[in-house]
Amino acid sequence: MTQGDSPVPRATNRSAITTPRVSVIIPAYNRETLVARAIDSVLAQTYQDFELIVVDDASKDGTRTVLERYRDHPKVRLVLSDVNRGGSGARNLGIEAAKGELIAFQDSDDVWLAHKLAEQVAALDANPMAGLCYCGALFSEGTRSYYIPEAMFDRLDGDMSKEMLRRNTTSTQTLLVRREVLAKSGPFDVTLKRFQDWDLMIRIAQLAPLVFLPEPMVVIFATPGNISSFVVNDAICRAQILEKYQDLFNSVPEHGARNHYITGRVWQKLGEHAKARPHLARALAHKRDLRSMLWMLRARLG
């Protein structure tokens, strides 16, 4: 059965909410031990004019049993898919069901601080031309954590149409997007197994200015088995983005060269020298530094 032929997902308690200002979307797949923590962090927000749409993406464990606890909650709507569509497909189902003029995303294994929505809604109200607000985050790996976004960016808000091509500044859990902007940019790309947030940010940055709040208001946990943990997806999906936005990268060649270089290095470390060579060649064509030339030589010898 193809995705287009798949059954219509079942939604529950649709009448519980009429017209919330914000729709929050959580996709969940096999997260029975973690999803309640994520849901509760959204329900604990100081800003309460929202609906929470939880999309179960055909989980095989006890995730749906956990979600049953929230069936009668006045702010929660459950969308139960009988077909696994992946994180992007599940988020897109949530977008289709959303009623709010602002849309936020949370992951099923992460936590929001209680004032996140309040701060972001206020920021967009104060910047009516902005299409999206994102905030700082802490990425936690057991006993170690680090701040997102990294300090490498020249700027983090305003016109980010070119800067966003350098590297992704953030993660999906930090975003609050105007529905009208999301309608123009298009939904999440279901063909990408990684960098779906970067792909969306590239498109939105071409349409409207962004607002950034530096305070970390999201805690992102490194969960074993997370799709981002598979190194090969870095090379595959970065190459997809380079091809998809070739014209944009050509307008900022240093950003294109940087990402071709990273893609080539990843392929090379995986022993895929034939796949590495064209990317390293593109990087070398822009900047003939010693490091790039050495990697290119190793790819040719490989």
Protein backbone atom coordinates (compact mmCIF):
# COMPACT_ATOMS: atom_id res chain seq x y z
CA MET A 1 0.00 0.00 0.00
CA THR A 2 1.44 3.43 -0.95
CA GLN A 3 1.32 6.49 1.25
CA GLY A 4 -1.36 8.00 -0.97
CA ASP A 5 -3.52 4.89 -0.52
CA SER A 6 -3.01 4.66 3.22
CA PRO A 7 -5.97 4.87 5.60
CA VAL A 8 -7.02 8.27 6.90
CA PRO A 9 -5.55 8.65 10.40
CA ARG A 10 -8.05 8.59 13.21
CA ALA A 11 -8.33 11.78 15.26
CA THR A 12 -9.86 11.84 18.73
CA ASN A 13 -11.47 14.55 20.93
CA ARG A 14 -11.66 16.99 18.02
CA SER A 15 -14.37 19.12 19.62
CA ALA A 16 -12.37 19.80 22.76
CA ILE A 17 -10.79 22.98 21.36
CA THR A 18 -12.24 25.60 19.03
CA THR A 19 -9.76 28.24 17.87
CA PRO A 20 -6.49 28.17 19.82
CA ARG A 21 -3.80 30.73 18.99
CA VAL A 22 -1.06 28.06 18.86
CA SER A 23 -1.02 24.48 17.66
CA VAL A 24 1.76 22.33 19.12
CA ILE A 25 2.60 19.12 17.24
CA ILE A 26 4.37 16.09 18.71
CA PRO A 27 5.11 13.09 16.46
CA ALA A 28 5.64 9.87 18.42
CA TYR A 29 6.94 6.49 17.38
CA ASN A 30 7.85 3.81 19.93
CA ARG A 31 8.35 6.31 22.75
CA GLU A 32 6.34 4.70 25.54
CA THR A 33 8.94 5.58 28.20
CA LEU A 34 9.53 9.18 27.08
CA VAL A 35 6.46 10.66 25.40
CA ALA A 36 4.66 11.55 28.64
CA ARG A 37 7.59 13.74 29.72
CA ALA A 38 7.44 15.66 26.44
CA ILE A 39 3.64 16.06 26.60
CA ASP A 40 3.70 17.20 30.22
CA SER A 41 6.34 19.85 29.45
CA VAL A 42 3.99 21.33 26.84
CA LEU A 43 0.92 21.17 29.09
CA ALA A 44 2.91 22.97 31.83
CA GLN A 45 3.46 26.09 29.70
CA THR A 46 2.63 29.42 31.30
CA TYR A 47 1.05 30.44 27.98
CA GLN A 48 -2.13 28.37 27.71
CA ASP A 49 -3.87 29.43 24.49
CA PHE A 50 -2.84 26.32 22.59
CA GLU A 51 -3.90 22.89 21.42
CA LEU A 52 -1.55 19.92 21.57
CA ILE A 53 -1.74 17.48 18.66
CA VAL A 54 0.05 14.20 19.33
CA VAL A 55 0.52 12.06 16.22
CA ASP A 56 1.19 8.41 16.96
CA ASP A 57 3.07 7.15 13.92
CA ALA A 58 1.88 3.52 14.07
CA SER A 59 3.93 2.68 17.17
CA LYS A 60 4.58 -0.99 17.88
CA ASP A 61 5.24 -0.64 21.61
CA GLY A 62 3.03 0.75 24.36
CA THR A 63 3.05 4.37 23.17
CA ARG A 64 -0.67 4.40 22.42
CA THR A 65 -1.45 3.04 25.86
CA VAL A 66 0.45 5.99 27.35
CA LEU A 67 -1.40 8.41 25.06
CA GLU A 68 -4.75 7.06 26.29
CA ARG A 69 -4.06 8.84 29.58
CA TYR A 70 -4.47 12.14 27.73
CA ARG A 71 -7.56 11.26 25.68
CA ASP A 72 -9.90 13.38 27.79
CA HIS A 73 -7.52 16.28 28.38
CA PRO A 74 -9.17 19.46 27.05
CA LYS A 75 -6.03 20.64 25.28
CA VAL A 76 -4.91 17.34 23.73
CA ARG A 77 -5.94 15.90 20.38
CA LEU A 78 -4.68 12.49 19.31
CA VAL A 79 -4.07 11.57 15.68
CA LEU A 80 -3.55 7.83 15.35
CA SER A 81 -1.95 6.73 12.11
CA ASP A 82 -2.11 3.08 11.01
CA VAL A 83 0.83 3.64 8.64
CA ASN A 84 4.35 4.63 9.69
CA ARG A 85 5.22 7.84 7.82
CA GLY A 86 8.39 8.90 9.63
CA GLY A 87 8.89 12.05 11.67
CA SER A 88 8.31 14.47 8.80
CA GLY A 89 5.21 12.68 7.57
CA ALA A 90 3.79 12.59 11.10
CA ARG A 91 4.49 16.30 11.59
CA ASN A 92 2.76 17.04 8.28
CA LEU A 93 -0.32 15.14 9.49
CA GLY A 94 -0.29 17.33 12.57
CA ILE A 95 -0.02 20.47 10.44
CA GLU A 96 -3.05 19.37 8.43
CA ALA A 97 -5.05 18.94 11.64
CA ALA A 98 -3.83 22.17 13.27
CA LYS A 99 -6.22 25.05 13.95
CA GLY A 100 -3.84 27.67 15.33
CA GLU A 101 -2.42 30.67 13.49
CA LEU A 102 0.98 29.81 15.02
CA ILE A 103 2.48 26.31 14.87
CA ALA A 104 5.13 24.87 17.17
CA PHE A 105 6.87 21.51 17.18
CA GLN A 106 8.07 19.34 20.04
CA ASP A 107 9.81 15.96 19.84
CA SER A 108 8.59 12.99 21.82
CA ASP A 109 11.83 12.62 23.81
CA ASP A 110 12.58 16.25 24.68
CA VAL A 111 11.51 18.92 27.18
CA TRP A 112 10.33 22.53 26.95
CA LEU A 113 10.90 25.00 29.76
CA ALA A 114 7.64 26.42 31.07
CA HIS A 115 7.95 29.93 29.60
CA LYS A 116 8.96 28.92 26.05
CA LEU A 117 5.64 29.54 24.31
CA ALA A 118 4.97 32.76 26.22
CA GLU A 119 8.32 34.25 25.20
CA GLN A 120 8.03 33.18 21.57
CA VAL A 121 4.45 34.35 21.07
CA ALA A 122 5.40 37.74 22.54
CA ALA A 123 8.43 37.92 20.24
CA LEU A 124 6.34 37.30 17.10
CA ASP A 125 3.71 39.79 18.28
CA ALA A 126 6.48 42.37 18.65
CA ASN A 127 7.86 41.56 15.18
CA PRO A 128 4.87 41.28 12.84
CA MET A 129 7.05 40.93 9.71
CA ALA A 130 8.91 37.92 11.10
CA GLY A 131 7.80 34.53 9.84
CA LEU A 132 9.36 32.39 12.53
CA CYS A 133 10.77 32.59 16.05
CA TYR A 134 13.33 30.14 17.40
CA CYS A 135 15.21 29.97 20.67
CA GLY A 136 18.39 28.63 22.19
CA ALA A 137 18.55 25.01 23.32
CA LEU A 138 20.70 22.69 25.37
CA PHE A 139 21.70 19.41 23.75
CA SER A 140 22.27 16.82 26.46
CA GLU A 141 24.45 13.74 26.02
CA GLY A 142 24.45 12.02 29.39
CA THR A 143 26.87 13.95 31.61
CA ARG A 144 27.78 16.41 28.85
CA SER A 145 25.70 19.16 27.25
CA TYR A 146 26.27 22.02 24.83
CA TYR A 147 24.43 25.10 23.62
CA ILE A 148 22.66 25.42 20.27
CA PRO A 149 23.19 27.39 18.05
CA GLU A 150 26.97 27.31 17.75
CA ALA A 151 28.98 30.54 17.77
CA MET A 152 30.06 30.20 14.13
CA PHE A 153 27.21 32.22 12.63
CA ASP A 154 27.60 35.85 11.54
CA ARG A 155 24.02 36.56 12.54
CA LEU A 156 21.09 34.62 13.99
CA ASP A 157 18.01 36.69 13.15
CA GLY A 158 16.64 39.18 10.66
CA ASP A 159 17.38 38.31 7.03
CA MET A 160 18.84 34.81 7.26
CA SER A 161 18.30 33.88 3.61
CA LYS A 162 22.04 33.45 2.96
CA GLU A 163 23.34 32.66 6.43
CA MET A 164 21.00 29.68 6.73
CA LEU A 165 22.89 28.03 3.86
CA ARG A 166 26.04 27.84 5.96
CA ARG A 167 24.61 25.34 8.43
CA ASN A 168 21.44 24.67 10.36
CA THR A 169 21.15 27.06 13.29
CA THR A 170 18.66 25.10 15.35
CA SER A 171 16.35 22.11 15.79
CA THR A 172 12.65 21.58 15.16
CA GLN A 173 11.72 21.68 18.86
CA THR A 174 12.67 25.37 19.11
CA LEU A 175 10.46 26.63 16.29
CA LEU A 176 7.29 28.71 16.38
CA VAL A 177 6.09 29.43 12.83
CA ARG A 178 3.28 31.54 11.41
CA ARG A 179 0.80 29.26 9.65
CA GLU A 180 0.62 31.56 6.60
CA VAL A 181 4.41 31.39 6.18
CA LEU A 182 4.41 27.61 6.55
CA ALA A 183 1.71 27.41 3.88
CA LYS A 184 3.96 29.33 1.48
CA SER A 185 7.17 27.46 2.31
CA GLY A 186 5.57 24.04 2.10
CA PRO A 187 5.63 21.26 4.73
CA PHE A 188 8.47 19.04 5.90
CA ASP A 189 10.25 17.10 3.18
CA VAL A 190 9.41 13.44 3.76
CA THR A 191 12.27 12.27 1.52
CA LEU A 192 14.88 13.52 4.00
CA LYS A 193 15.92 11.19 6.82
CA ARG A 194 17.92 13.98 8.44
CA PHE A 195 18.13 17.79 8.30
CA GLN A 196 14.35 18.19 7.86
CA ASP A 197 14.52 21.21 10.16
CA TRP A 198 17.38 22.76 8.19
CA ASP A 199 15.52 22.19 4.93
CA LEU A 200 12.44 23.95 6.32
CA MET A 201 14.50 26.82 7.74
CA ILE A 202 16.19 27.40 4.38
CA ARG A 203 12.80 27.78 2.70
CA ILE A 204 11.28 29.99 5.38
CA ALA A 205 14.37 32.23 5.48
CA GLN A 206 13.82 33.03 1.79
CA LEU A 207 10.31 34.30 2.60
CA ALA A 208 10.54 36.30 5.81
CA PRO A 209 12.88 37.55 8.55
CA LEU A 210 13.48 35.38 11.60
CA VAL A 211 13.47 36.23 15.31
CA PHE A 212 15.96 34.56 17.65
CA LEU A 213 15.70 34.37 21.45
CA PRO A 214 19.11 33.35 22.85
CA GLU A 215 17.86 31.93 26.15
CA PRO A 216 17.88 28.09 26.07
CA MET A 217 14.23 27.10 26.52
CA VAL A 218 14.41 23.56 25.12
CA VAL A 219 16.37 20.55 26.39
CA ILE A 220 17.17 18.10 23.59
CA PHE A 221 18.22 14.63 24.72
CA ALA A 222 20.51 12.38 22.70
CA THR A 223 18.33 9.29 22.44
CA PRO A 224 19.84 5.98 21.23
CA GLY A 225 18.41 5.02 17.86
CA ASN A 226 17.52 8.60 16.92
CA ILE A 227 17.68 8.95 13.12
CA SER A 228 20.25 11.76 13.45
CA SER A 229 22.69 9.34 15.05
CA PHE A 230 23.30 7.45 11.80
CA VAL A 231 26.37 9.03 10.18
CA VAL A 232 25.52 7.87 6.66
CA ASN A 233 22.34 9.97 6.76
CA ASP A 234 24.51 13.08 7.16
CA ALA A 235 26.17 12.49 3.79
CA ILE A 236 23.02 11.36 1.98
CA CYS A 237 20.78 14.17 3.20
CA ARG A 238 23.37 16.95 3.00
CA ALA A 239 23.90 15.94 -0.64
CA GLN A 240 20.12 16.07 -1.18
CA ILE A 241 19.96 19.59 0.21
CA LEU A 242 22.93 20.72 -1.89
CA GLU A 243 21.15 19.47 -5.00
CA LYS A 244 17.71 20.75 -4.00
CA TYR A 245 18.95 24.30 -3.38
CA GLN A 246 21.76 24.37 -5.94
CA ASP A 247 20.86 27.84 -7.19
CA LEU A 248 20.84 29.26 -3.67
CA PHE A 249 24.19 27.66 -2.81
CA ASN A 250 25.65 28.97 -6.08
CA SER A 251 24.77 32.48 -4.91
CA VAL A 252 26.86 31.96 -1.75
CA PRO A 253 29.68 29.73 -3.02
CA GLU A 254 31.60 29.62 0.26
CA HIS A 255 28.61 27.99 1.97
CA GLY A 256 28.16 25.53 -0.87
CA ALA A 257 31.87 24.65 -0.78
CA ARG A 258 31.76 24.10 2.98
CA ASN A 259 28.87 21.65 2.72
CA HIS A 260 30.36 19.81 -0.24
CA TYR A 261 33.56 19.44 1.79
CA ILE A 262 31.69 18.02 4.79
CA THR A 263 29.73 15.63 2.56
CA GLY A 264 32.91 14.42 0.90
CA ARG A 265 34.67 13.88 4.22
CA VAL A 266 31.79 11.84 5.61
CA TRP A 267 31.70 9.61 2.51
CA GLN A 268 35.46 9.25 2.71
CA LYS A 269 35.41 8.21 6.35
CA LEU A 270 32.81 5.62 5.44
CA GLY A 271 35.14 4.27 2.76
CA GLU A 272 32.91 5.48 -0.10
CA HIS A 273 35.67 7.20 -2.07
CA ALA A 274 33.79 7.32 -5.37
CA LYS A 275 30.95 9.19 -3.67
CA ALA A 276 33.40 11.46 -1.87
CA ARG A 277 35.33 12.63 -4.94
CA PRO A 278 32.75 14.87 -6.67
CA HIS A 279 31.94 16.68 -3.42
CA LEU A 280 35.59 17.25 -2.52
CA ALA A 281 36.24 18.45 -6.07
CA ARG A 282 33.44 21.02 -5.74
CA ALA A 283 34.90 22.21 -2.44
CA LEU A 284 38.41 22.38 -3.88
CA ALA A 285 37.22 24.37 -6.88
CA HIS A 286 36.16 27.15 -4.52
CA LYS A 287 38.97 27.08 -1.98
CA ARG A 288 42.33 25.47 -2.63
CA ASP A 289 43.55 25.06 0.92
CA LEU A 290 45.95 22.35 2.03
CA ARG A 291 43.37 20.42 4.04
CA SER A 292 40.94 20.14 1.13
CA MET A 293 43.71 19.08 -1.24
CA LEU A 294 44.88 16.37 1.16
CA TRP A 295 41.37 14.96 1.49
CA MET A 296 40.96 15.06 -2.29
CA LEU A 297 44.23 13.19 -2.73
CA ARG A 298 43.11 10.53 -0.25
CA ALA A 299 39.83 10.16 -2.14
CA ARG A 300 41.64 9.68 -5.43
CA LEU A 301 44.03 7.15 -3.93
CA GLY A 302 41.11 5.36 -2.32
